[in-house]
Amino acid sequence: MTDFLPIPATTSTQTRQTGTKPVMTAAKQLEAGFLAEMLKSAGFGEQENGFSGSTGEDQFASFHRQAIADRMVENGGIGLAEMFYKSLMEKAND
C-alpha cells in the first residue's frame, strides 16, 4: 500500500502573494537602478587626486554605485519601489 503525502489547500491570498513577489522584486530592482544613476549624476565614486587609479577604476565604480543603491533599497529606499509596485499591479488588474 502506498501512503500519499497530504497536499495542503492553498487559499487565494497565498496564490496572490506568491504571484506578487516577482513584481515587488522587479520594482525594487527598478528603484535600485534609478538610485545608481542618481549617484552617478551626483559624482559618487569619482576621484581626482594623487591616489586615484587608472581608467579601470572608472569601470568598477559602476559596480560600487550599484551595490550602494541595492543596500539603500534593502533599507527602505526612497519609496519608489512601492509606487512602481502599485503601478504595475494596477496595470495587471486592468
Protein backbone atom coordinates (compact mmCIF):
# COMPACT_ATOMS: atom_id res chain seq x y z
CA MET A 1 0.00 0.00 0.00
CA THR A 2 1.24 3.47 -0.86
CA ASP A 3 1.00 6.34 1.58
CA PHE A 4 0.19 9.63 -0.05
CA LEU A 5 1.54 12.91 1.19
CA PRO A 6 -1.15 15.40 2.13
CA ILE A 7 -1.45 18.35 -0.19
CA PRO A 8 -2.42 21.47 1.70
CA ALA A 9 -5.17 23.56 0.20
CA THR A 10 -3.99 26.94 -1.00
CA THR A 11 -6.11 29.98 -0.48
CA SER A 12 -6.47 32.77 -2.97
CA THR A 13 -4.40 35.10 -0.75
CA GLN A 14 -1.49 32.65 -0.74
CA THR A 15 -1.62 32.43 -4.52
CA ARG A 16 -1.89 36.19 -4.84
CA GLN A 17 1.09 36.77 -2.51
CA THR A 18 3.23 34.27 -4.41
CA GLY A 19 2.33 35.94 -7.70
CA THR A 20 3.16 39.42 -6.45
CA LYS A 21 6.63 38.62 -5.11
CA PRO A 22 8.31 38.82 -8.55
CA VAL A 23 6.56 42.14 -9.16
CA MET A 24 7.92 43.62 -5.93
CA THR A 25 11.39 42.27 -6.77
CA ALA A 26 11.23 43.97 -10.17
CA ALA A 27 10.04 47.22 -8.55
CA LYS A 28 12.96 47.15 -6.10
CA GLN A 29 15.43 46.49 -8.92
CA LEU A 30 13.99 49.42 -10.84
CA GLU A 31 14.38 51.70 -7.81
CA ALA A 32 17.96 50.48 -7.31
CA GLY A 33 18.78 51.23 -10.95
CA PHE A 34 17.31 54.71 -10.58
CA LEU A 35 19.31 55.36 -7.41
CA ALA A 36 22.52 54.12 -9.06
CA GLU A 37 22.02 56.60 -11.90
CA MET A 38 21.35 59.40 -9.42
CA LEU A 39 24.56 58.53 -7.55
CA LYS A 40 26.42 58.63 -10.86
CA SER A 41 24.96 62.05 -11.71
CA ALA A 42 25.96 63.31 -8.26
CA GLY A 43 29.56 62.27 -8.95
CA PHE A 44 29.67 59.50 -6.37
CA GLY A 45 32.76 57.33 -6.84
CA GLU A 46 34.77 59.81 -8.90
CA GLN A 47 38.21 60.63 -7.57
CA GLU A 48 40.56 63.26 -8.90
CA ASN A 49 43.58 63.19 -6.62
CA GLY A 50 47.05 61.66 -6.31
CA PHE A 51 45.61 58.35 -5.07
CA SER A 52 43.24 57.90 -8.00
CA GLY A 53 43.52 54.80 -10.06
CA SER A 54 43.55 54.41 -13.79
CA THR A 55 40.67 54.01 -16.22
CA GLY A 56 39.91 50.66 -14.59
CA GLU A 57 38.76 52.49 -11.50
CA ASP A 58 36.08 54.24 -13.53
CA GLN A 59 34.88 50.91 -14.89
CA PHE A 60 34.48 49.37 -11.45
CA ALA A 61 32.91 52.48 -9.92
CA SER A 62 29.59 51.48 -11.51
CA PHE A 63 29.62 48.20 -9.54
CA HIS A 64 30.22 50.15 -6.35
CA ARG A 65 27.37 52.56 -7.09
CA GLN A 66 25.03 49.66 -7.87
CA ALA A 67 25.95 47.90 -4.62
CA ILE A 68 25.30 51.10 -2.66
CA ALA A 69 21.95 51.56 -4.42
CA ASP A 70 20.96 47.94 -3.68
CA ARG A 71 21.70 48.45 0.02
CA MET A 72 19.72 51.68 0.02
CA VAL A 73 16.68 49.85 -1.36
CA GLU A 74 17.08 47.00 1.15
CA ASN A 75 16.97 49.59 3.94
CA GLY A 76 13.79 51.25 2.71
CA GLY A 77 14.97 53.28 -0.24
CA ILE A 78 13.16 56.48 -1.11
CA GLY A 79 9.72 54.96 -1.65
CA LEU A 80 9.85 54.49 -5.41
CA ALA A 81 9.61 50.69 -5.24
CA GLU A 82 6.21 50.89 -3.57
CA MET A 83 4.97 53.35 -6.18
CA PHE A 84 6.32 51.18 -9.02
CA TYR A 85 4.71 48.12 -7.42
CA LYS A 86 1.29 49.77 -7.14
CA SER A 87 1.50 51.00 -10.72
CA LEU A 88 2.47 47.57 -12.04
CA MET A 89 -0.32 45.89 -10.07
CA GLU A 90 -2.89 48.38 -11.43
CA LYS A 91 -1.80 47.51 -14.97
CA ALA A 92 -2.03 43.80 -14.17
CA ASN A 93 -5.57 44.19 -12.84
CA ASP A 94 -6.85 46.12 -15.87
